[in-house]
């Protein structure tokens, strides 16, 4: 889109230069300015209001694995409420929970704002300022999986860090640490969230007096927690037999 607009204006200038010497001189003055400004159009795809300065991230050289969701920056769409989508290559840093954007030689972070949505690899990330049932901060980027009038189900990518083994000598290590991508699921009700267990046994324990009913439903429908669509079905069924206070009933049964 940007190159199309530039091409259109260059054609206009070229046509102007054909009609008179005055226009030719004018075009010669304007043309260098276009090439000075051009890099800002090419690289400055995101306005400053979307960006924030960030410090140089740790390279984590003593760790195996990557702290990024993808190997390299991915084509992404950045949309602010009531604004048009903007395209940019972004790299999601799981360690800092930041979408990084490189403009020439400088790296920025996308502003962590609930009004800004980021779409990358067919996943839509939104920054939410959640708290858990005990009022602890759980703010971060989440991917919405399911939404209805009572609750929402989210997925969050989390970086698990296994620290390197250190020797008595400060500069040496026995084994390098490891970075592992993990996925967690959350149930949200009234802006309060709870992380859902990954084992069937632990999840069923949250259903309290409806435990047997949910277990039987899972058996009949052959549902497994490893599949997102199955988790959504399980929670939908629990919601149908637990008419109110969905989240509080689960927390109290812990």
Foldseek 3Di string as FASTA:
>chain_A
DLVVVVVVVVVVLVVQCVPDVVSVVVSVVVVVVCVVCVLCVVQVQDDPVFWDADDDDDPLPLAPDAQWPDPFFFWKWKDFPPDDITIFTWIQRQVVLFTWGDRPHGIITGDQDQRIWMAGPNFIWGWAQAAAPVRHTDTHIWTWDDDDPFKTKTKDKHKDKACFAPDPPHVDTDHGIYIDIDMWMWIDGPRHIDTADQDPVLNLLLLPPCSVVLVVVCVVVVAHSVDPVSVVVSLVVSCVVVVDPSPVSSVVSD
